[in-house]
Amino acid sequence: MAKDFLRADDASRYELHLDGALVGVLDYRENEASVSLVRSFTTPPFRGRGFAGELVAFAVDDVEARGGRAIVPMCWYVGQWFDQHPEKAHLLASA
């Protein structure tokens, strides 16, 4: 199975494709200071297989690699992901 992650800037979202099929998306909004991860969605046939977590990890790594911006987890799933990955807490925007 070919798993492809990408940042689709034209749609303001991260995407995960599996063998060419869209598995999940993570919408974002950005400004000079932060990237808000606003909504995650996994298509029903692919739910419960860990793909959403992999997509969030990809997005977080991408924001970190691009540098200079904090992450604002607007989606409950993204917030839960950060709770489970305290090693990435330094990327979160201050409350």
PDB file of N, CA and C in Angstrom:
ATOM      1  N   MET A   1       0.836  -1.182   0.000  1.00  0.00           N
ATOM      2  CA  MET A   1       0.000   0.000   0.000  1.00  0.00           C
ATOM      3  C   MET A   1       0.880   1.244   0.000  1.00  0.00           C
ATOM      4  N   ALA A   2       0.619   2.124  -0.958  1.00  0.00           N
ATOM      5  CA  ALA A   2       1.357   3.380  -1.043  1.00  0.00           C
ATOM      6  C   ALA A   2       0.637   4.447  -0.230  1.00  0.00           C
ATOM      7  N   LYS A   3       1.329   4.979   0.768  1.00  0.00           N
ATOM      8  CA  LYS A   3       0.772   6.002   1.650  1.00  0.00           C
ATOM      9  C   LYS A   3       1.454   7.322   1.313  1.00  0.00           C
ATOM     10  N   ASP A   4       0.663   8.324   0.916  1.00  0.00           N
ATOM     11  CA  ASP A   4       1.206   9.619   0.525  1.00  0.00           C
ATOM     12  C   ASP A   4       0.594  10.736   1.361  1.00  0.00           C
ATOM     13  N   PHE A   5       1.459  11.512   2.003  1.00  0.00           N
ATOM     14  CA  PHE A   5       1.052  12.684   2.772  1.00  0.00           C
ATOM     15  C   PHE A   5       1.423  13.918   1.962  1.00  0.00           C
ATOM     16  N   LEU A   6       0.567  14.938   1.992  1.00  0.00           N
ATOM     17  CA  LEU A   6       0.915  16.179   1.318  1.00  0.00           C
ATOM     18  C   LEU A   6       0.234  17.364   1.970  1.00  0.00           C
ATOM     19  N   ARG A   7       0.847  18.531   1.762  1.00  0.00           N
ATOM     20  CA  ARG A   7       0.242  19.788   2.191  1.00  0.00           C
ATOM     21  C   ARG A   7      -0.338  20.420   0.941  1.00  0.00           C
ATOM     22  N   ALA A   8      -1.649  20.525   0.882  1.00  0.00           N
ATOM     23  CA  ALA A   8      -2.349  21.103  -0.265  1.00  0.00           C
ATOM     24  C   ALA A   8      -2.636  22.571   0.046  1.00  0.00           C
ATOM     25  N   ASP A   9      -1.668  23.442  -0.263  1.00  0.00           N
ATOM     26  CA  ASP A   9      -1.799  24.858   0.083  1.00  0.00           C
ATOM     27  C   ASP A   9      -3.009  25.507  -0.574  1.00  0.00           C
ATOM     28  N   ASP A  10      -3.346  25.084  -1.791  1.00  0.00           N
ATOM     29  CA  ASP A  10      -4.486  25.682  -2.489  1.00  0.00           C
ATOM     30  C   ASP A  10      -5.807  25.413  -1.771  1.00  0.00           C
ATOM     31  N   ALA A  11      -5.881  24.331  -1.010  1.00  0.00           N
ATOM     32  CA  ALA A  11      -7.089  23.974  -0.256  1.00  0.00           C
ATOM     33  C   ALA A  11      -6.927  24.233   1.244  1.00  0.00           C
ATOM     34  N   SER A  12      -5.762  24.721   1.653  1.00  0.00           N
ATOM     35  CA  SER A  12      -5.450  24.962   3.077  1.00  0.00           C
ATOM     36  C   SER A  12      -5.712  23.719   3.915  1.00  0.00           C
ATOM     37  N   ARG A  13      -5.128  22.607   3.473  1.00  0.00           N
ATOM     38  CA  ARG A  13      -5.301  21.372   4.231  1.00  0.00           C
ATOM     39  C   ARG A  13      -4.147  20.415   3.965  1.00  0.00           C
ATOM     40  N   TYR A  14      -3.972  19.530   4.917  1.00  0.00           N
ATOM     41  CA  TYR A  14      -3.072  18.397   4.753  1.00  0.00           C
ATOM     42  C   TYR A  14      -3.925  17.218   4.320  1.00  0.00           C
ATOM     43  N   GLU A  15      -3.353  16.344   3.501  1.00  0.00           N
ATOM     44  CA  GLU A  15      -4.097  15.192   2.997  1.00  0.00           C
ATOM     45  C   GLU A  15      -3.278  13.920   3.160  1.00  0.00           C
ATOM     46  N   LEU A  16      -3.985  12.822   3.333  1.00  0.00           N
ATOM     47  CA  LEU A  16      -3.386  11.491   3.325  1.00  0.00           C
ATOM     48  C   LEU A  16      -4.107  10.671   2.269  1.00  0.00           C
ATOM     49  N   HIS A  17      -3.319  10.104   1.361  1.00  0.00           N
ATOM     50  CA  HIS A  17      -3.849   9.240   0.307  1.00  0.00           C
ATOM     51  C   HIS A  17      -3.257   7.847   0.485  1.00  0.00           C
ATOM     52  N   LEU A  18      -4.064   6.845   0.266  1.00  0.00           N
ATOM     53  CA  LEU A  18      -3.632   5.454   0.340  1.00  0.00           C
ATOM     54  C   LEU A  18      -3.967   4.809  -0.993  1.00  0.00           C
ATOM     55  N   ASP A  19      -2.924   4.390  -1.715  1.00  0.00           N
ATOM     56  CA  ASP A  19      -3.105   3.837  -3.059  1.00  0.00           C
ATOM     57  C   ASP A  19      -3.957   4.756  -3.923  1.00  0.00           C
ATOM     58  N   GLY A  20      -3.736   6.063  -3.805  1.00  0.00           N
ATOM     59  CA  GLY A  20      -4.440   7.042  -4.614  1.00  0.00           C
ATOM     60  C   GLY A  20      -5.783   7.493  -4.072  1.00  0.00           C
ATOM     61  N   ALA A  21      -6.325   6.795  -3.092  1.00  0.00           N
ATOM     62  CA  ALA A  21      -7.627   7.162  -2.518  1.00  0.00           C
ATOM     63  C   ALA A  21      -7.425   8.133  -1.358  1.00  0.00           C
ATOM     64  N   LEU A  22      -8.259   9.159  -1.296  1.00  0.00           N
ATOM     65  CA  LEU A  22      -8.198  10.113  -0.196  1.00  0.00           C
ATOM     66  C   LEU A  22      -8.702   9.449   1.076  1.00  0.00           C
ATOM     67  N   VAL A  23      -7.831   9.380   2.080  1.00  0.00           N
ATOM     68  CA  VAL A  23      -8.150   8.728   3.351  1.00  0.00           C
ATOM     69  C   VAL A  23      -8.594   9.749   4.389  1.00  0.00           C
ATOM     70  N   GLY A  24      -7.890  10.878   4.451  1.00  0.00           N
ATOM     71  CA  GLY A  24      -8.207  11.866   5.467  1.00  0.00           C
ATOM     72  C   GLY A  24      -7.660  13.234   5.130  1.00  0.00           C
ATOM     73  N   VAL A  25      -8.225  14.238   5.803  1.00  0.00           N
ATOM     74  CA  VAL A  25      -7.780  15.617   5.623  1.00  0.00           C
ATOM     75  C   VAL A  25      -7.676  16.290   6.992  1.00  0.00           C
ATOM     76  N   LEU A  26      -6.830  17.295   7.049  1.00  0.00           N
ATOM     77  CA  LEU A  26      -6.676  18.131   8.235  1.00  0.00           C
ATOM     78  C   LEU A  26      -6.602  19.572   7.737  1.00  0.00           C
ATOM     79  N   ASP A  27      -7.679  20.317   7.941  1.00  0.00           N
ATOM     80  CA  ASP A  27      -7.745  21.706   7.486  1.00  0.00           C
ATOM     81  C   ASP A  27      -6.932  22.604   8.403  1.00  0.00           C
ATOM     82  N   TYR A  28      -6.334  23.632   7.816  1.00  0.00           N
ATOM     83  CA  TYR A  28      -5.566  24.586   8.615  1.00  0.00           C
ATOM     84  C   TYR A  28      -5.826  26.010   8.147  1.00  0.00           C
ATOM     85  N   ARG A  29      -5.558  26.942   9.029  1.00  0.00           N
ATOM     86  CA  ARG A  29      -5.567  28.374   8.735  1.00  0.00           C
ATOM     87  C   ARG A  29      -4.258  28.904   9.297  1.00  0.00           C
ATOM     88  N   GLU A  30      -3.640  29.811   8.555  1.00  0.00           N
ATOM     89  CA  GLU A  30      -2.350  30.312   9.019  1.00  0.00           C
ATOM     90  C   GLU A  30      -2.259  31.827   8.900  1.00  0.00           C
ATOM     91  N   ASN A  31      -1.426  32.382   9.751  1.00  0.00           N
ATOM     92  CA  ASN A  31      -1.054  33.789   9.665  1.00  0.00           C
ATOM     93  C   ASN A  31       0.437  33.870   9.966  1.00  0.00           C
ATOM     94  N   GLU A  32       0.942  35.073  10.154  1.00  0.00           N
ATOM     95  CA  GLU A  32       2.385  35.232  10.361  1.00  0.00           C
ATOM     96  C   GLU A  32       2.888  34.544  11.620  1.00  0.00           C
ATOM     97  N   ALA A  33       2.038  34.456  12.651  1.00  0.00           N
ATOM     98  CA  ALA A  33       2.480  33.951  13.950  1.00  0.00           C
ATOM     99  C   ALA A  33       2.109  32.504  14.237  1.00  0.00           C
ATOM    100  N   SER A  34       1.053  32.001  13.593  1.00  0.00           N
ATOM    101  CA  SER A  34       0.570  30.673  13.990  1.00  0.00           C
ATOM    102  C   SER A  34      -0.094  29.918  12.844  1.00  0.00           C
ATOM    103  N   VAL A  35      -0.239  28.627  13.081  1.00  0.00           N
ATOM    104  CA  VAL A  35      -0.998  27.745  12.198  1.00  0.00           C
ATOM    105  C   VAL A  35      -2.066  27.090  13.064  1.00  0.00           C
ATOM    106  N   SER A  36      -3.325  27.338  12.735  1.00  0.00           N
ATOM    107  CA  SER A  36      -4.439  26.718  13.456  1.00  0.00           C
ATOM    108  C   SER A  36      -4.854  25.455  12.715  1.00  0.00           C
ATOM    109  N   LEU A  37      -4.853  24.333  13.428  1.00  0.00           N
ATOM    110  CA  LEU A  37      -5.316  23.065  12.857  1.00  0.00           C
ATOM    111  C   LEU A  37      -6.777  22.946  13.265  1.00  0.00           C
ATOM    112  N   VAL A  38      -7.677  23.171  12.290  1.00  0.00           N
ATOM    113  CA  VAL A  38      -9.071  23.449  12.627  1.00  0.00           C
ATOM    114  C   VAL A  38     -10.042  22.281  12.507  1.00  0.00           C
ATOM    115  N   ARG A  39      -9.767  21.315  11.639  1.00  0.00           N
ATOM    116  CA  ARG A  39     -10.739  20.229  11.470  1.00  0.00           C
ATOM    117  C   ARG A  39     -10.047  19.024  10.855  1.00  0.00           C
ATOM    118  N   SER A  40     -10.264  17.868  11.458  1.00  0.00           N
ATOM    119  CA  SER A  40      -9.749  16.626  10.874  1.00  0.00           C
ATOM    120  C   SER A  40     -10.931  15.757  10.460  1.00  0.00           C
ATOM    121  N   PHE A  41     -10.724  15.006   9.393  1.00  0.00           N
ATOM    122  CA  PHE A  41     -11.770  14.112   8.902  1.00  0.00           C
ATOM    123  C   PHE A  41     -11.103  12.909   8.262  1.00  0.00           C
ATOM    124  N   THR A  42     -11.571  11.723   8.640  1.00  0.00           N
ATOM    125  CA  THR A  42     -11.134  10.473   8.020  1.00  0.00           C
ATOM    126  C   THR A  42     -12.354   9.849   7.367  1.00  0.00           C
ATOM    127  N   THR A  43     -12.215   9.421   6.115  1.00  0.00           N
ATOM    128  CA  THR A  43     -13.355   8.822   5.425  1.00  0.00           C
ATOM    129  C   THR A  43     -13.750   7.532   6.144  1.00  0.00           C
ATOM    130  N   PRO A  44     -15.054   7.259   6.231  1.00  0.00           N
ATOM    131  CA  PRO A  44     -15.549   6.142   7.044  1.00  0.00           C
ATOM    132  C   PRO A  44     -14.856   4.789   6.849  1.00  0.00           C
ATOM    133  N   PRO A  45     -14.551   4.362   5.618  1.00  0.00           N
ATOM    134  CA  PRO A  45     -13.923   3.035   5.503  1.00  0.00           C
ATOM    135  C   PRO A  45     -12.542   2.924   6.147  1.00  0.00           C
ATOM    136  N   PHE A  46     -11.914   4.074   6.426  1.00  0.00           N
ATOM    137  CA  PHE A  46     -10.545   4.072   6.949  1.00  0.00           C
ATOM    138  C   PHE A  46     -10.461   4.448   8.429  1.00  0.00           C
ATOM    139  N   ARG A  47     -11.585   4.666   9.065  1.00  0.00           N
ATOM    140  CA  ARG A  47     -11.586   5.074  10.472  1.00  0.00           C
ATOM    141  C   ARG A  47     -11.133   3.937  11.385  1.00  0.00           C
ATOM    142  N   GLY A  48     -10.545   4.320  12.518  1.00  0.00           N
ATOM    143  CA  GLY A  48     -10.135   3.349  13.517  1.00  0.00           C
ATOM    144  C   GLY A  48      -8.853   2.615  13.197  1.00  0.00           C
ATOM    145  N   ARG A  49      -8.098   3.106  12.222  1.00  0.00           N
ATOM    146  CA  ARG A  49      -6.861   2.434  11.810  1.00  0.00           C
ATOM    147  C   ARG A  49      -5.618   3.284  12.053  1.00  0.00           C
ATOM    148  N   GLY A  50      -5.792   4.410  12.768  1.00  0.00           N
ATOM    149  CA  GLY A  50      -4.646   5.236  13.130  1.00  0.00           C
ATOM    150  C   GLY A  50      -4.228   6.262  12.100  1.00  0.00           C
ATOM    151  N   PHE A  51      -4.975   6.366  11.009  1.00  0.00           N
ATOM    152  CA  PHE A  51      -4.580   7.294   9.953  1.00  0.00           C
ATOM    153  C   PHE A  51      -4.679   8.757  10.388  1.00  0.00           C
ATOM    154  N   ALA A  52      -5.678   9.105  11.177  1.00  0.00           N
ATOM    155  CA  ALA A  52      -5.821  10.498  11.628  1.00  0.00           C
ATOM    156  C   ALA A  52      -4.609  10.923  12.449  1.00  0.00           C
ATOM    157  N   GLY A  53      -4.153  10.056  13.327  1.00  0.00           N
ATOM    158  CA  GLY A  53      -2.970  10.363  14.121  1.00  0.00           C
ATOM    159  C   GLY A  53      -1.731  10.537  13.264  1.00  0.00           C
ATOM    160  N   GLU A  54      -1.594   9.708  12.247  1.00  0.00           N
ATOM    161  CA  GLU A  54      -0.455   9.837  11.336  1.00  0.00           C
ATOM    162  C   GLU A  54      -0.515  11.155  10.577  1.00  0.00           C
ATOM    163  N   LEU A  55      -1.720  11.562  10.187  1.00  0.00           N
ATOM    164  CA  LEU A  55      -1.877  12.816   9.454  1.00  0.00           C
ATOM    165  C   LEU A  55      -1.556  14.010  10.350  1.00  0.00           C
ATOM    166  N   VAL A  56      -2.011  13.986  11.586  1.00  0.00           N
ATOM    167  CA  VAL A  56      -1.683  15.065  12.523  1.00  0.00           C
ATOM    168  C   VAL A  56      -0.169  15.110  12.743  1.00  0.00           C
ATOM    169  N   ALA A  57       0.461  13.964  12.921  1.00  0.00           N
ATOM    170  CA  ALA A  57       1.915  13.925  13.118  1.00  0.00           C
ATOM    171  C   ALA A  57       2.641  14.534  11.922  1.00  0.00           C
ATOM    172  N   PHE A  58       2.180  14.220  10.716  1.00  0.00           N
ATOM    173  CA  PHE A  58       2.783  14.793   9.509  1.00  0.00           C
ATOM    174  C   PHE A  58       2.645  16.312   9.512  1.00  0.00           C
ATOM    175  N   ALA A  59       1.447  16.800   9.830  1.00  0.00           N
ATOM    176  CA  ALA A  59       1.204  18.242   9.838  1.00  0.00           C
ATOM    177  C   ALA A  59       2.067  18.938  10.889  1.00  0.00           C
ATOM    178  N   VAL A  60       2.132  18.379  12.079  1.00  0.00           N
ATOM    179  CA  VAL A  60       2.934  18.965  13.155  1.00  0.00           C
ATOM    180  C   VAL A  60       4.408  18.994  12.751  1.00  0.00           C
ATOM    181  N   ASP A  61       4.898  17.908  12.186  1.00  0.00           N
ATOM    182  CA  ASP A  61       6.291  17.871  11.734  1.00  0.00           C
ATOM    183  C   ASP A  61       6.544  18.900  10.633  1.00  0.00           C
ATOM    184  N   ASP A  62       5.568  19.076   9.747  1.00  0.00           N
ATOM    185  CA  ASP A  62       5.710  20.052   8.666  1.00  0.00           C
ATOM    186  C   ASP A  62       5.772  21.475   9.219  1.00  0.00           C
ATOM    187  N   VAL A  63       4.872  21.803  10.130  1.00  0.00           N
ATOM    188  CA  VAL A  63       4.885  23.139  10.735  1.00  0.00           C
ATOM    189  C   VAL A  63       6.211  23.365  11.459  1.00  0.00           C
ATOM    190  N   GLU A  64       6.667  22.363  12.178  1.00  0.00           N
ATOM    191  CA  GLU A  64       7.941  22.490  12.901  1.00  0.00           C
ATOM    192  C   GLU A  64       9.097  22.691  11.929  1.00  0.00           C
ATOM    193  N   ALA A  65       9.126  21.936  10.839  1.00  0.00           N
ATOM    194  CA  ALA A  65      10.213  22.033   9.866  1.00  0.00           C
ATOM    195  C   ALA A  65      10.225  23.391   9.163  1.00  0.00           C
ATOM    196  N   ARG A  66       9.058  23.957   8.953  1.00  0.00           N
ATOM    197  CA  ARG A  66       8.971  25.259   8.297  1.00  0.00           C
ATOM    198  C   ARG A  66       9.355  26.385   9.249  1.00  0.00           C
ATOM    199  N   GLY A  67       9.274  26.126  10.545  1.00  0.00           N
ATOM    200  CA  GLY A  67       9.779  27.022  11.587  1.00  0.00           C
ATOM    201  C   GLY A  67       9.032  28.327  11.774  1.00  0.00           C
ATOM    202  N   GLY A  68       9.202  28.870  12.989  1.00  0.00           N
ATOM    203  CA  GLY A  68       8.751  30.208  13.287  1.00  0.00           C
ATOM    204  C   GLY A  68       7.303  30.414  13.663  1.00  0.00           C
ATOM    205  N   ARG A  69       6.472  29.382  13.603  1.00  0.00           N
ATOM    206  CA  ARG A  69       5.059  29.574  13.931  1.00  0.00           C
ATOM    207  C   ARG A  69       4.592  28.571  14.970  1.00  0.00           C
ATOM    208  N   ALA A  70       3.731  29.045  15.839  1.00  0.00           N
ATOM    209  CA  ALA A  70       3.135  28.184  16.861  1.00  0.00           C
ATOM    210  C   ALA A  70       1.905  27.484  16.284  1.00  0.00           C
ATOM    211  N   ILE A  71       1.523  26.386  16.906  1.00  0.00           N
ATOM    212  CA  ILE A  71       0.344  25.632  16.492  1.00  0.00           C
ATOM    213  C   ILE A  71      -0.796  25.904  17.468  1.00  0.00           C
ATOM    214  N   VAL A  72      -1.975  26.151  16.904  1.00  0.00           N
ATOM    215  CA  VAL A  72      -3.196  26.337  17.690  1.00  0.00           C
ATOM    216  C   VAL A  72      -4.118  25.162  17.360  1.00  0.00           C
ATOM    217  N   PRO A  73      -4.318  24.233  18.291  1.00  0.00           N
ATOM    218  CA  PRO A  73      -5.184  23.076  18.020  1.00  0.00           C
ATOM    219  C   PRO A  73      -6.661  23.437  18.219  1.00  0.00           C
ATOM    220  N   MET A  74      -7.350  23.723  17.135  1.00  0.00           N
ATOM    221  CA  MET A  74      -8.773  24.078  17.200  1.00  0.00           C
ATOM    222  C   MET A  74      -9.666  22.834  17.174  1.00  0.00           C
ATOM    223  N   CYS A  75      -9.169  21.757  16.637  1.00  0.00           N
ATOM    224  CA  CYS A  75      -9.903  20.493  16.525  1.00  0.00           C
ATOM    225  C   CYS A  75      -9.643  19.656  17.781  1.00  0.00           C
ATOM    226  N   TRP A  76     -10.691  19.056  18.333  1.00  0.00           N
ATOM    227  CA  TRP A  76     -10.538  18.252  19.554  1.00  0.00           C
ATOM    228  C   TRP A  76      -9.527  17.127  19.346  1.00  0.00           C
ATOM    229  N   TYR A  77      -9.515  16.536  18.157  1.00  0.00           N
ATOM    230  CA  TYR A  77      -8.613  15.414  17.914  1.00  0.00           C
ATOM    231  C   TYR A  77      -7.155  15.874  17.972  1.00  0.00           C
ATOM    232  N   VAL A  78      -6.884  17.031  17.405  1.00  0.00           N
ATOM    233  CA  VAL A  78      -5.521  17.564  17.437  1.00  0.00           C
ATOM    234  C   VAL A  78      -5.107  17.861  18.877  1.00  0.00           C
ATOM    235  N   GLY A  79      -6.018  18.426  19.665  1.00  0.00           N
ATOM    236  CA  GLY A  79      -5.729  18.660  21.080  1.00  0.00           C
ATOM    237  C   GLY A  79      -5.409  17.376  21.816  1.00  0.00           C
ATOM    238  N   GLN A  80      -6.185  16.342  21.539  1.00  0.00           N
ATOM    239  CA  GLN A  80      -5.948  15.029  22.154  1.00  0.00           C
ATOM    240  C   GLN A  80      -4.599  14.462  21.711  1.00  0.00           C
ATOM    241  N   TRP A  81      -4.250  14.662  20.445  1.00  0.00           N
ATOM    242  CA  TRP A  81      -2.966  14.184  19.931  1.00  0.00           C
ATOM    243  C   TRP A  81      -1.821  14.842  20.711  1.00  0.00           C
ATOM    244  N   PHE A  82      -1.920  16.156  20.948  1.00  0.00           N
ATOM    245  CA  PHE A  82      -0.880  16.843  21.715  1.00  0.00           C
ATOM    246  C   PHE A  82      -0.824  16.338  23.151  1.00  0.00           C
ATOM    247  N   ASP A  83      -1.968  15.995  23.738  1.00  0.00           N
ATOM    248  CA  ASP A  83      -1.975  15.414  25.087  1.00  0.00           C
ATOM    249  C   ASP A  83      -1.182  14.112  25.123  1.00  0.00           C
ATOM    250  N   GLN A  84      -1.235  13.364  24.033  1.00  0.00           N
ATOM    251  CA  GLN A  84      -0.545  12.076  23.949  1.00  0.00           C
ATOM    252  C   GLN A  84       0.904  12.206  23.484  1.00  0.00           C
ATOM    253  N   HIS A  85       1.298  13.403  23.048  1.00  0.00           N
ATOM    254  CA  HIS A  85       2.659  13.640  22.555  1.00  0.00           C
ATOM    255  C   HIS A  85       3.248  14.885  23.218  1.00  0.00           C
ATOM    256  N   PRO A  86       3.491  14.819  24.528  1.00  0.00           N
ATOM    257  CA  PRO A  86       3.999  15.999  25.245  1.00  0.00           C
ATOM    258  C   PRO A  86       5.355  16.480  24.731  1.00  0.00           C
ATOM    259  N   GLU A  87       6.079  15.635  24.037  1.00  0.00           N
ATOM    260  CA  GLU A  87       7.369  16.045  23.484  1.00  0.00           C
ATOM    261  C   GLU A  87       7.211  17.121  22.408  1.00  0.00           C
ATOM    262  N   LYS A  88       6.006  17.320  21.914  1.00  0.00           N
ATOM    263  CA  LYS A  88       5.738  18.344  20.899  1.00  0.00           C
ATOM    264  C   LYS A  88       5.052  19.578  21.487  1.00  0.00           C
ATOM    265  N   ALA A  89       4.859  19.616  22.801  1.00  0.00           N
ATOM    266  CA  ALA A  89       4.135  20.721  23.446  1.00  0.00           C
ATOM    267  C   ALA A  89       4.806  22.076  23.227  1.00  0.00           C
ATOM    268  N   HIS A  90       6.113  22.083  23.001  1.00  0.00           N
ATOM    269  CA  HIS A  90       6.813  23.351  22.771  1.00  0.00           C
ATOM    270  C   HIS A  90       6.337  24.063  21.508  1.00  0.00           C
ATOM    271  N   LEU A  91       5.630  23.355  20.639  1.00  0.00           N
ATOM    272  CA  LEU A  91       5.130  23.950  19.401  1.00  0.00           C
ATOM    273  C   LEU A  91       3.792  24.665  19.577  1.00  0.00           C
ATOM    274  N   LEU A  92       3.134  24.440  20.701  1.00  0.00           N
ATOM    275  CA  LEU A  92       1.811  25.017  20.931  1.00  0.00           C
ATOM    276  C   LEU A  92       1.892  26.512  21.226  1.00  0.00           C
ATOM    277  N   ALA A  93       0.885  27.237  20.748  1.00  0.00           N
ATOM    278  CA  ALA A  93       0.782  28.662  21.053  1.00  0.00           C
ATOM    279  C   ALA A  93       0.491  28.825  22.538  1.00  0.00           C
ATOM    280  N   SER A  94       1.000  29.885  23.120  1.00  0.00           N
ATOM    281  CA  SER A  94       0.722  30.169  24.534  1.00  0.00           C
ATOM    282  C   SER A  94      -0.736  30.548  24.694  1.00  0.00           C
ATOM    283  N   ALA A  95      -1.320  30.118  25.805  1.00  0.00           N
ATOM    284  CA  ALA A  95      -2.739  30.430  26.057  1.00  0.00           C
ATOM    285  C   ALA A  95      -2.902  31.856  26.519  1.00  0.00           C
TER     286      ALA A  95
END
